Amino acid sequence: MTMTAVLLMLTFAPLLAQNKKENPKAVTHRGLIRLAAPVERAFPLFGPVREKLWAPGWNPQIVYPLDRDVAEGMVFLTQEQRGETYWVLTRLDAAQHFIAYANFTPGYIANRIEIRCRAAAANQTECEVMYAHVALGEAGNHFIEQMDEKAYAAKMAHWQEAINYALEHGKPMEMLH
């Protein structure tokens, strides 16, 4: 068993036991975004600390390890609208520009997120972003019902716009709401 698997079990098992749900809804979406930067510059923006450069309000509280911005097995917390979300960076392959996370918000939702980037041109990066959601309560079921292909495409369009803005201006876009 890998250290990442142990961290996932230690992090999520007690929380999942508290949040059993009959007939949870689940959905998986994939989308592509194009970024106006070389892959070596774009890919690091998907790490938990560097995401602050393009996502207003993103403020991860690193639990482990404290001495790095990104590391496979990293554990961190975020404060979301629905409560505290527990995260584990499950896989990091910087050479292949691949990063994956699992996260969990008690009573709401569990997610897997995978991001794979590749050079598309001299100054362009194409990123495939996959989200797999599993509801852990009625609010999570409602979220999944709302997160259809159109909503996911809108989320990816926002990511593309926000990241490209940060790449060009060196700061996040102002929040629209």
N, C-alpha and C. Protein backbone atom coordinates (compact mmCIF):
# COMPACT_ATOMS: atom_id res chain seq x y z
N MET A 1 0.85 -1.17 0.00
CA MET A 1 0.00 0.00 0.00
C MET A 1 0.90 1.24 0.00
N THR A 2 0.61 2.19 -0.88
CA THR A 2 1.42 3.39 -0.98
C THR A 2 1.12 4.35 0.16
N MET A 3 2.03 5.27 0.41
CA MET A 3 1.82 6.29 1.44
C MET A 3 0.58 7.12 1.12
N THR A 4 0.35 7.38 -0.16
CA THR A 4 -0.83 8.15 -0.56
C THR A 4 -2.10 7.40 -0.19
N ALA A 5 -2.15 6.10 -0.42
CA ALA A 5 -3.33 5.31 -0.07
C ALA A 5 -3.56 5.33 1.43
N VAL A 6 -2.49 5.23 2.21
CA VAL A 6 -2.61 5.28 3.67
C VAL A 6 -3.16 6.63 4.10
N LEU A 7 -2.62 7.71 3.53
CA LEU A 7 -3.11 9.06 3.86
C LEU A 7 -4.58 9.22 3.51
N LEU A 8 -4.98 8.71 2.35
CA LEU A 8 -6.39 8.78 1.97
C LEU A 8 -7.27 8.04 2.97
N MET A 9 -6.86 6.83 3.34
CA MET A 9 -7.66 6.06 4.28
C MET A 9 -7.75 6.77 5.63
N LEU A 10 -6.62 7.28 6.13
CA LEU A 10 -6.62 7.97 7.41
C LEU A 10 -7.45 9.25 7.37
N THR A 11 -7.40 9.94 6.25
CA THR A 11 -8.12 11.20 6.12
C THR A 11 -9.61 10.99 5.94
N PHE A 12 -10.00 10.08 5.05
CA PHE A 12 -11.40 9.98 4.65
C PHE A 12 -12.22 8.92 5.37
N ALA A 13 -11.62 7.83 5.84
CA ALA A 13 -12.40 6.74 6.41
C ALA A 13 -13.32 7.17 7.55
N PRO A 14 -12.82 7.91 8.55
CA PRO A 14 -13.73 8.31 9.63
C PRO A 14 -14.84 9.24 9.14
N LEU A 15 -14.52 10.09 8.19
CA LEU A 15 -15.51 11.02 7.67
C LEU A 15 -16.57 10.31 6.85
N LEU A 16 -16.15 9.34 6.04
CA LEU A 16 -17.11 8.58 5.24
C LEU A 16 -18.05 7.78 6.13
N ALA A 17 -17.53 7.25 7.22
CA ALA A 17 -18.36 6.47 8.13
C ALA A 17 -19.48 7.33 8.72
N GLN A 18 -19.22 8.62 8.90
CA GLN A 18 -20.23 9.54 9.43
C GLN A 18 -21.23 9.98 8.37
N ASN A 19 -20.94 9.75 7.10
CA ASN A 19 -21.74 10.33 6.02
C ASN A 19 -22.26 9.27 5.06
N LYS A 20 -22.71 8.14 5.57
CA LYS A 20 -23.27 7.12 4.70
C LYS A 20 -24.55 7.65 4.07
N LYS A 21 -24.74 7.33 2.82
CA LYS A 21 -25.89 7.84 2.07
C LYS A 21 -26.41 6.73 1.19
N GLU A 22 -27.71 6.49 1.25
CA GLU A 22 -28.29 5.52 0.34
C GLU A 22 -28.52 6.17 -1.01
N ASN A 23 -28.26 5.40 -2.06
CA ASN A 23 -28.48 5.84 -3.44
C ASN A 23 -27.86 7.20 -3.77
N PRO A 24 -26.57 7.34 -3.50
CA PRO A 24 -25.95 8.62 -3.85
C PRO A 24 -25.85 8.77 -5.36
N LYS A 25 -25.96 10.00 -5.81
CA LYS A 25 -25.76 10.29 -7.22
C LYS A 25 -24.27 10.47 -7.47
N ALA A 26 -23.86 10.18 -8.69
CA ALA A 26 -22.45 10.34 -9.07
C ALA A 26 -22.40 10.76 -10.53
N VAL A 27 -21.36 11.51 -10.87
CA VAL A 27 -21.17 11.94 -12.24
C VAL A 27 -19.69 12.20 -12.48
N THR A 28 -19.26 11.98 -13.71
CA THR A 28 -17.89 12.28 -14.12
C THR A 28 -17.95 13.16 -15.36
N HIS A 29 -17.14 14.21 -15.36
CA HIS A 29 -17.05 15.11 -16.51
C HIS A 29 -15.59 15.30 -16.90
N ARG A 30 -15.37 15.51 -18.18
CA ARG A 30 -14.05 15.85 -18.71
C ARG A 30 -14.19 17.10 -19.58
N GLY A 31 -13.19 17.95 -19.51
CA GLY A 31 -13.19 19.14 -20.33
C GLY A 31 -11.77 19.53 -20.70
N LEU A 32 -11.66 20.34 -21.73
CA LEU A 32 -10.36 20.84 -22.19
C LEU A 32 -10.31 22.35 -22.03
N ILE A 33 -9.16 22.83 -21.58
CA ILE A 33 -8.93 24.27 -21.57
C ILE A 33 -7.60 24.52 -22.27
N ARG A 34 -7.51 25.70 -22.89
CA ARG A 34 -6.28 26.10 -23.57
C ARG A 34 -5.73 27.33 -22.86
N LEU A 35 -4.45 27.25 -22.54
CA LEU A 35 -3.80 28.33 -21.80
C LEU A 35 -2.71 28.96 -22.66
N ALA A 36 -2.60 30.27 -22.55
CA ALA A 36 -1.65 31.04 -23.36
C ALA A 36 -0.31 31.14 -22.65
N ALA A 37 0.34 29.99 -22.51
CA ALA A 37 1.67 29.94 -21.90
C ALA A 37 2.27 28.57 -22.18
N PRO A 38 3.59 28.47 -22.14
CA PRO A 38 4.19 27.15 -22.29
C PRO A 38 3.80 26.25 -21.11
N VAL A 39 3.79 24.95 -21.35
CA VAL A 39 3.35 24.00 -20.33
C VAL A 39 4.16 24.13 -19.04
N GLU A 40 5.43 24.45 -19.14
CA GLU A 40 6.28 24.59 -17.95
C GLU A 40 5.84 25.75 -17.07
N ARG A 41 5.20 26.73 -17.64
CA ARG A 41 4.69 27.88 -16.87
C ARG A 41 3.26 27.64 -16.42
N ALA A 42 2.45 26.97 -17.24
CA ALA A 42 1.04 26.77 -16.93
C ALA A 42 0.81 25.66 -15.90
N PHE A 43 1.49 24.53 -16.04
CA PHE A 43 1.22 23.39 -15.18
C PHE A 43 1.34 23.69 -13.67
N PRO A 44 2.36 24.42 -13.21
CA PRO A 44 2.47 24.67 -11.77
C PRO A 44 1.26 25.40 -11.16
N LEU A 45 0.46 26.07 -11.99
CA LEU A 45 -0.71 26.79 -11.46
C LEU A 45 -1.80 25.85 -10.96
N PHE A 46 -1.66 24.55 -11.18
CA PHE A 46 -2.64 23.59 -10.67
C PHE A 46 -2.24 23.00 -9.33
N GLY A 47 -1.12 23.43 -8.77
CA GLY A 47 -0.73 23.01 -7.43
C GLY A 47 -1.57 23.75 -6.39
N PRO A 48 -1.69 23.21 -5.18
CA PRO A 48 -2.58 23.81 -4.19
C PRO A 48 -2.20 25.23 -3.78
N VAL A 49 -0.94 25.55 -3.71
CA VAL A 49 -0.53 26.90 -3.31
C VAL A 49 -0.58 27.86 -4.49
N ARG A 50 -0.07 27.45 -5.63
CA ARG A 50 -0.03 28.32 -6.81
C ARG A 50 -1.42 28.64 -7.37
N GLU A 51 -2.42 27.82 -7.05
CA GLU A 51 -3.78 28.11 -7.53
C GLU A 51 -4.26 29.47 -7.03
N LYS A 52 -3.71 29.95 -5.92
CA LYS A 52 -4.07 31.28 -5.39
C LYS A 52 -3.84 32.37 -6.43
N LEU A 53 -2.90 32.14 -7.37
CA LEU A 53 -2.58 33.15 -8.37
C LEU A 53 -3.72 33.40 -9.35
N TRP A 54 -4.66 32.45 -9.45
CA TRP A 54 -5.75 32.63 -10.42
C TRP A 54 -7.14 32.42 -9.83
N ALA A 55 -7.23 31.95 -8.60
CA ALA A 55 -8.54 31.65 -8.00
C ALA A 55 -8.76 32.53 -6.77
N PRO A 56 -9.48 33.65 -6.94
CA PRO A 56 -9.74 34.52 -5.80
C PRO A 56 -10.44 33.75 -4.67
N GLY A 57 -9.99 33.97 -3.46
CA GLY A 57 -10.59 33.31 -2.31
C GLY A 57 -10.02 31.94 -2.00
N TRP A 58 -9.21 31.38 -2.90
CA TRP A 58 -8.60 30.07 -2.66
C TRP A 58 -7.51 30.25 -1.62
N ASN A 59 -7.62 29.55 -0.49
CA ASN A 59 -6.66 29.71 0.59
C ASN A 59 -6.45 28.38 1.31
N PRO A 60 -5.70 27.46 0.69
CA PRO A 60 -5.51 26.16 1.32
C PRO A 60 -4.66 26.26 2.60
N GLN A 61 -5.06 25.49 3.58
CA GLN A 61 -4.29 25.39 4.82
C GLN A 61 -3.52 24.07 4.76
N ILE A 62 -2.24 24.16 4.49
CA ILE A 62 -1.42 22.97 4.32
C ILE A 62 -1.24 22.28 5.68
N VAL A 63 -1.51 20.97 5.69
CA VAL A 63 -1.34 20.16 6.89
C VAL A 63 -0.02 19.40 6.83
N TYR A 64 0.28 18.85 5.63
CA TYR A 64 1.49 18.03 5.46
C TYR A 64 1.83 17.93 3.99
N PRO A 65 3.09 18.02 3.61
CA PRO A 65 4.23 18.54 4.36
C PRO A 65 4.20 20.06 4.37
N LEU A 66 4.70 20.64 5.42
CA LEU A 66 4.64 22.10 5.59
C LEU A 66 5.73 22.84 4.83
N ASP A 67 6.75 22.13 4.38
CA ASP A 67 7.91 22.79 3.77
C ASP A 67 7.87 22.84 2.25
N ARG A 68 6.72 22.50 1.61
CA ARG A 68 6.65 22.52 0.14
C ARG A 68 5.32 23.12 -0.32
N ASP A 69 5.33 23.63 -1.55
CA ASP A 69 4.11 24.15 -2.17
C ASP A 69 3.29 23.06 -2.83
N VAL A 70 3.96 21.97 -3.22
CA VAL A 70 3.28 20.87 -3.90
C VAL A 70 4.09 19.60 -3.67
N ALA A 71 3.37 18.51 -3.37
CA ALA A 71 4.05 17.22 -3.17
C ALA A 71 3.00 16.12 -3.21
N GLU A 72 3.37 15.01 -3.82
CA GLU A 72 2.47 13.86 -3.80
C GLU A 72 2.25 13.46 -2.34
N GLY A 73 1.01 13.20 -1.97
CA GLY A 73 0.67 12.86 -0.60
C GLY A 73 0.34 14.07 0.26
N MET A 74 0.45 15.28 -0.31
CA MET A 74 0.16 16.49 0.45
C MET A 74 -1.29 16.46 0.95
N VAL A 75 -1.47 16.88 2.18
CA VAL A 75 -2.80 16.98 2.79
C VAL A 75 -3.03 18.44 3.11
N PHE A 76 -4.23 18.94 2.76
CA PHE A 76 -4.57 20.32 3.08
C PHE A 76 -6.07 20.46 3.24
N LEU A 77 -6.48 21.58 3.80
CA LEU A 77 -7.89 21.87 4.05
C LEU A 77 -8.25 23.18 3.38
N THR A 78 -9.50 23.28 2.96
CA THR A 78 -10.03 24.55 2.47
C THR A 78 -11.39 24.78 3.14
N GLN A 79 -11.75 26.04 3.24
CA GLN A 79 -13.07 26.41 3.76
C GLN A 79 -13.96 26.68 2.56
N GLU A 80 -15.00 25.91 2.42
CA GLU A 80 -15.93 26.04 1.31
C GLU A 80 -17.28 26.52 1.84
N GLN A 81 -18.16 26.86 0.94
CA GLN A 81 -19.50 27.30 1.31
C GLN A 81 -20.20 26.24 2.17
N ARG A 82 -19.98 24.98 1.87
CA ARG A 82 -20.64 23.88 2.58
C ARG A 82 -19.87 23.39 3.79
N GLY A 83 -18.74 24.01 4.10
CA GLY A 83 -17.96 23.60 5.26
C GLY A 83 -16.53 23.29 4.89
N GLU A 84 -15.83 22.66 5.81
CA GLU A 84 -14.43 22.33 5.61
C GLU A 84 -14.30 21.18 4.62
N THR A 85 -13.37 21.35 3.67
CA THR A 85 -13.09 20.31 2.69
C THR A 85 -11.68 19.78 2.93
N TYR A 86 -11.57 18.46 2.99
CA TYR A 86 -10.31 17.76 3.23
C TYR A 86 -9.76 17.29 1.89
N TRP A 87 -8.49 17.59 1.62
CA TRP A 87 -7.86 17.29 0.34
C TRP A 87 -6.61 16.42 0.52
N VAL A 88 -6.36 15.57 -0.46
CA VAL A 88 -5.09 14.85 -0.58
C VAL A 88 -4.66 14.94 -2.03
N LEU A 89 -3.43 15.36 -2.24
CA LEU A 89 -2.84 15.35 -3.58
C LEU A 89 -2.40 13.89 -3.81
N THR A 90 -3.15 13.16 -4.60
CA THR A 90 -2.96 11.72 -4.72
C THR A 90 -1.87 11.31 -5.70
N ARG A 91 -1.61 12.16 -6.69
CA ARG A 91 -0.57 11.82 -7.67
C ARG A 91 0.01 13.09 -8.27
N LEU A 92 1.32 13.10 -8.37
CA LEU A 92 2.02 14.22 -9.00
C LEU A 92 3.12 13.65 -9.87
N ASP A 93 3.03 13.93 -11.16
CA ASP A 93 4.07 13.55 -12.11
C ASP A 93 4.41 14.81 -12.89
N ALA A 94 5.32 15.59 -12.33
CA ALA A 94 5.67 16.89 -12.94
C ALA A 94 6.27 16.71 -14.33
N ALA A 95 7.03 15.65 -14.55
CA ALA A 95 7.64 15.42 -15.86
C ALA A 95 6.57 15.18 -16.93
N GLN A 96 5.47 14.53 -16.55
CA GLN A 96 4.38 14.27 -17.49
C GLN A 96 3.25 15.31 -17.37
N HIS A 97 3.44 16.31 -16.51
CA HIS A 97 2.48 17.39 -16.31
C HIS A 97 1.10 16.83 -15.91
N PHE A 98 1.11 15.98 -14.89
CA PHE A 98 -0.13 15.34 -14.41
C PHE A 98 -0.22 15.53 -12.90
N ILE A 99 -1.42 15.92 -12.44
CA ILE A 99 -1.67 16.09 -11.01
C ILE A 99 -3.08 15.58 -10.73
N ALA A 100 -3.25 14.94 -9.57
CA ALA A 100 -4.56 14.40 -9.21
C ALA A 100 -4.82 14.63 -7.72
N TYR A 101 -6.07 14.86 -7.42
CA TYR A 101 -6.51 15.11 -6.04
C TYR A 101 -7.72 14.26 -5.72
N ALA A 102 -7.93 14.05 -4.43
CA ALA A 102 -9.19 13.55 -3.91
C ALA A 102 -9.57 14.53 -2.81
N ASN A 103 -10.86 14.86 -2.75
CA ASN A 103 -11.30 15.72 -1.66
C ASN A 103 -12.67 15.27 -1.16
N PHE A 104 -13.03 15.78 0.00
CA PHE A 104 -14.22 15.31 0.69
C PHE A 104 -14.77 16.43 1.55
N THR A 105 -16.04 16.75 1.39
CA THR A 105 -16.73 17.68 2.27
C THR A 105 -17.79 16.87 3.00
N PRO A 106 -17.66 16.69 4.32
CA PRO A 106 -18.59 15.84 5.06
C PRO A 106 -20.06 16.21 4.81
N GLY A 107 -20.87 15.18 4.59
CA GLY A 107 -22.30 15.37 4.38
C GLY A 107 -22.67 15.96 3.04
N TYR A 108 -21.68 16.23 2.20
CA TYR A 108 -21.94 16.91 0.94
C TYR A 108 -21.45 16.09 -0.26
N ILE A 109 -20.13 16.02 -0.45
CA ILE A 109 -19.63 15.41 -1.68
C ILE A 109 -18.19 14.92 -1.53
N ALA A 110 -17.84 13.90 -2.31
CA ALA A 110 -16.46 13.45 -2.45
C ALA A 110 -16.10 13.59 -3.93
N ASN A 111 -14.88 14.01 -4.20
CA ASN A 111 -14.45 14.27 -5.58
C ASN A 111 -13.09 13.66 -5.86
N ARG A 112 -12.91 13.29 -7.11
CA ARG A 112 -11.58 13.00 -7.67
C ARG A 112 -11.37 14.03 -8.77
N ILE A 113 -10.18 14.60 -8.82
CA ILE A 113 -9.85 15.60 -9.83
C ILE A 113 -8.53 15.19 -10.45
N GLU A 114 -8.49 15.14 -11.79
CA GLU A 114 -7.25 14.84 -12.50
C GLU A 114 -7.03 15.91 -13.55
N ILE A 115 -5.80 16.41 -13.62
CA ILE A 115 -5.45 17.44 -14.59
C ILE A 115 -4.19 16.99 -15.31
N ARG A 116 -4.29 16.90 -16.62
CA ARG A 116 -3.17 16.50 -17.47
C ARG A 116 -2.93 17.63 -18.48
N CYS A 117 -1.72 18.17 -18.48
CA CYS A 117 -1.37 19.26 -19.39
C CYS A 117 -0.38 18.77 -20.43
N ARG A 118 -0.44 19.39 -21.61
CA ARG A 118 0.52 19.07 -22.67
C ARG A 118 0.74 20.32 -23.51
N ALA A 119 1.94 20.42 -24.04
CA ALA A 119 2.25 21.53 -24.93
C ALA A 119 1.42 21.38 -26.19
N ALA A 120 0.71 22.45 -26.56
CA ALA A 120 -0.11 22.43 -27.77
C ALA A 120 0.56 23.22 -28.89
N ALA A 121 1.40 24.15 -28.52
CA ALA A 121 2.16 24.99 -29.45
C ALA A 121 3.26 25.64 -28.62
N ALA A 122 4.06 26.49 -29.26
CA ALA A 122 5.19 27.10 -28.56
C ALA A 122 4.76 27.83 -27.28
N ASN A 123 3.67 28.54 -27.34
CA ASN A 123 3.21 29.30 -26.19
C ASN A 123 1.78 28.92 -25.80
N GLN A 124 1.42 27.68 -25.98
CA GLN A 124 0.07 27.23 -25.63
C GLN A 124 0.13 25.88 -24.93
N THR A 125 -0.75 25.74 -23.95
CA THR A 125 -0.88 24.49 -23.20
C THR A 125 -2.33 24.06 -23.27
N GLU A 126 -2.53 22.79 -23.52
CA GLU A 126 -3.87 22.20 -23.49
C GLU A 126 -3.95 21.35 -22.22
N CYS A 127 -5.03 21.54 -21.46
CA CYS A 127 -5.21 20.81 -20.20
C CYS A 127 -6.52 20.06 -20.23
N GLU A 128 -6.46 18.76 -19.94
CA GLU A 128 -7.67 17.97 -19.78
C GLU A 128 -7.95 17.93 -18.28
N VAL A 129 -9.17 18.31 -17.92
CA VAL A 129 -9.56 18.37 -16.52
C VAL A 129 -10.73 17.42 -16.31
N MET A 130 -10.54 16.45 -15.42
CA MET A 130 -11.59 15.48 -15.11
C MET A 130 -12.02 15.66 -13.66
N TYR A 131 -13.32 15.72 -13.46
CA TYR A 131 -13.92 15.73 -12.12
C TYR A 131 -14.86 14.54 -12.02
N ALA A 132 -14.72 13.75 -10.97
CA ALA A 132 -15.66 12.68 -10.64
C ALA A 132 -16.26 13.03 -9.28
N HIS A 133 -17.58 13.21 -9.24
CA HIS A 133 -18.28 13.61 -8.02
C HIS A 133 -19.15 12.46 -7.52
N VAL A 134 -19.18 12.27 -6.20
CA VAL A 134 -20.10 11.33 -5.56
C VAL A 134 -20.77 12.08 -4.41
N ALA A 135 -22.09 12.10 -4.42
CA ALA A 135 -22.84 12.80 -3.39
C ALA A 135 -22.79 12.05 -2.07
N LEU A 136 -22.76 12.80 -0.99
CA LEU A 136 -22.76 12.22 0.36
C LEU A 136 -23.94 12.74 1.18
N GLY A 137 -24.92 13.26 0.51
CA GLY A 137 -26.10 13.80 1.17
C GLY A 137 -27.00 14.43 0.14
N GLU A 138 -28.13 14.91 0.57
CA GLU A 138 -29.10 15.52 -0.35
C GLU A 138 -28.53 16.74 -1.06
N ALA A 139 -27.77 17.56 -0.35
CA ALA A 139 -27.16 18.74 -0.99
C ALA A 139 -26.19 18.31 -2.08
N GLY A 140 -25.46 17.24 -1.84
CA GLY A 140 -24.55 16.72 -2.86
C GLY A 140 -25.31 16.18 -4.06
N ASN A 141 -26.42 15.48 -3.80
CA ASN A 141 -27.26 15.00 -4.90
C ASN A 141 -27.76 16.18 -5.73
N HIS A 142 -28.18 17.24 -5.06
CA HIS A 142 -28.67 18.44 -5.78
C HIS A 142 -27.55 19.05 -6.63
N PHE A 143 -26.34 19.14 -6.06
CA PHE A 143 -25.21 19.67 -6.82
C PHE A 143 -25.00 18.85 -8.09
N ILE A 144 -25.00 17.53 -7.96
CA ILE A 144 -24.76 16.66 -9.10
C ILE A 144 -25.86 16.81 -10.15
N GLU A 145 -27.10 16.98 -9.71
CA GLU A 145 -28.19 17.22 -10.66
C GLU A 145 -27.97 18.50 -11.44
N GLN A 146 -27.39 19.51 -10.81
CA GLN A 146 -27.15 20.80 -11.46
C GLN A 146 -25.88 20.79 -12.32
N MET A 147 -24.92 19.91 -12.00
CA MET A 147 -23.65 19.88 -12.71
C MET A 147 -23.77 18.99 -13.95
N ASP A 148 -24.50 19.50 -14.93
CA ASP A 148 -24.65 18.79 -16.20
C ASP A 148 -23.51 19.21 -17.14
N GLU A 149 -23.53 18.72 -18.37
CA GLU A 149 -22.46 19.04 -19.32
C GLU A 149 -22.34 20.55 -19.55
N LYS A 150 -23.46 21.23 -19.63
CA LYS A 150 -23.45 22.68 -19.86
C LYS A 150 -22.80 23.41 -18.67
N ALA A 151 -23.14 23.02 -17.46
CA ALA A 151 -22.57 23.65 -16.26
C ALA A 151 -21.07 23.37 -16.16
N TYR A 152 -20.67 22.14 -16.49
CA TYR A 152 -19.25 21.80 -16.44
C TYR A 152 -18.48 22.58 -17.51
N ALA A 153 -19.04 22.70 -18.68
CA ALA A 153 -18.39 23.48 -19.75
C ALA A 153 -18.22 24.94 -19.30
N ALA A 154 -19.21 25.48 -18.60
CA ALA A 154 -19.12 26.85 -18.10
C ALA A 154 -18.01 26.95 -17.04
N LYS A 155 -17.89 25.94 -16.20
CA LYS A 155 -16.82 25.91 -15.19
C LYS A 155 -15.46 25.91 -15.88
N MET A 156 -15.29 25.08 -16.92
CA MET A 156 -14.02 25.01 -17.63
C MET A 156 -13.74 26.32 -18.36
N ALA A 157 -14.76 26.95 -18.92
CA ALA A 157 -14.57 28.25 -19.59
C ALA A 157 -14.09 29.29 -18.57
N HIS A 158 -14.65 29.24 -17.37
CA HIS A 158 -14.22 30.17 -16.32
C HIS A 158 -12.77 29.89 -15.93
N TRP A 159 -12.41 28.62 -15.75
CA TRP A 159 -11.02 28.29 -15.43
C TRP A 159 -10.09 28.83 -16.50
N GLN A 160 -10.43 28.61 -17.76
CA GLN A 160 -9.59 29.06 -18.87
C GLN A 160 -9.41 30.58 -18.83
N GLU A 161 -10.51 31.30 -18.65
CA GLU A 161 -10.45 32.75 -18.60
C GLU A 161 -9.64 33.23 -17.39
N ALA A 162 -9.88 32.64 -16.23
CA ALA A 162 -9.20 33.07 -15.00
C ALA A 162 -7.70 32.78 -15.07
N ILE A 163 -7.33 31.60 -15.54
CA ILE A 163 -5.91 31.25 -15.60
C ILE A 163 -5.20 32.10 -16.65
N ASN A 164 -5.81 32.27 -17.82
CA ASN A 164 -5.18 33.11 -18.84
C ASN A 164 -5.04 34.56 -18.37
N TYR A 165 -6.02 35.06 -17.62
CA TYR A 165 -5.91 36.41 -17.07
C TYR A 165 -4.71 36.49 -16.13
N ALA A 166 -4.59 35.51 -15.23
CA ALA A 166 -3.47 35.50 -14.28
C ALA A 166 -2.14 35.37 -15.00
N LEU A 167 -2.08 34.56 -16.04
CA LEU A 167 -0.84 34.42 -16.81
C LEU A 167 -0.45 35.75 -17.46
N GLU A 168 -1.43 36.49 -17.93
CA GLU A 168 -1.15 37.76 -18.60
C GLU A 168 -0.87 38.90 -17.62
N HIS A 169 -1.64 38.95 -16.51
CA HIS A 169 -1.58 40.09 -15.60
C HIS A 169 -0.84 39.83 -14.30
N GLY A 170 -0.52 38.58 -14.02
CA GLY A 170 0.20 38.26 -12.79
C GLY A 170 -0.62 38.36 -11.53
N LYS A 171 -1.94 38.36 -11.67
CA LYS A 171 -2.83 38.42 -10.50
C LYS A 171 -4.18 37.82 -10.90
N PRO A 172 -4.99 37.44 -9.91
CA PRO A 172 -6.30 36.88 -10.24
C PRO A 172 -7.28 37.94 -10.72
N MET A 173 -8.25 37.49 -11.53
CA MET A 173 -9.34 38.38 -11.93
C MET A 173 -10.13 38.75 -10.68
N GLU A 174 -10.77 39.88 -10.71
CA GLU A 174 -11.65 40.25 -9.61
C GLU A 174 -12.83 39.30 -9.61
N MET A 175 -13.31 38.99 -8.44
CA MET A 175 -14.49 38.13 -8.34
C MET A 175 -15.68 38.87 -8.94
N LEU A 176 -16.49 38.14 -9.68
CA LEU A 176 -17.63 38.75 -10.36
C LEU A 176 -18.84 38.91 -9.45
N HIS A 177 -18.89 38.20 -8.37
CA HIS A 177 -20.07 38.25 -7.48
C HIS A 177 -19.76 38.99 -6.22
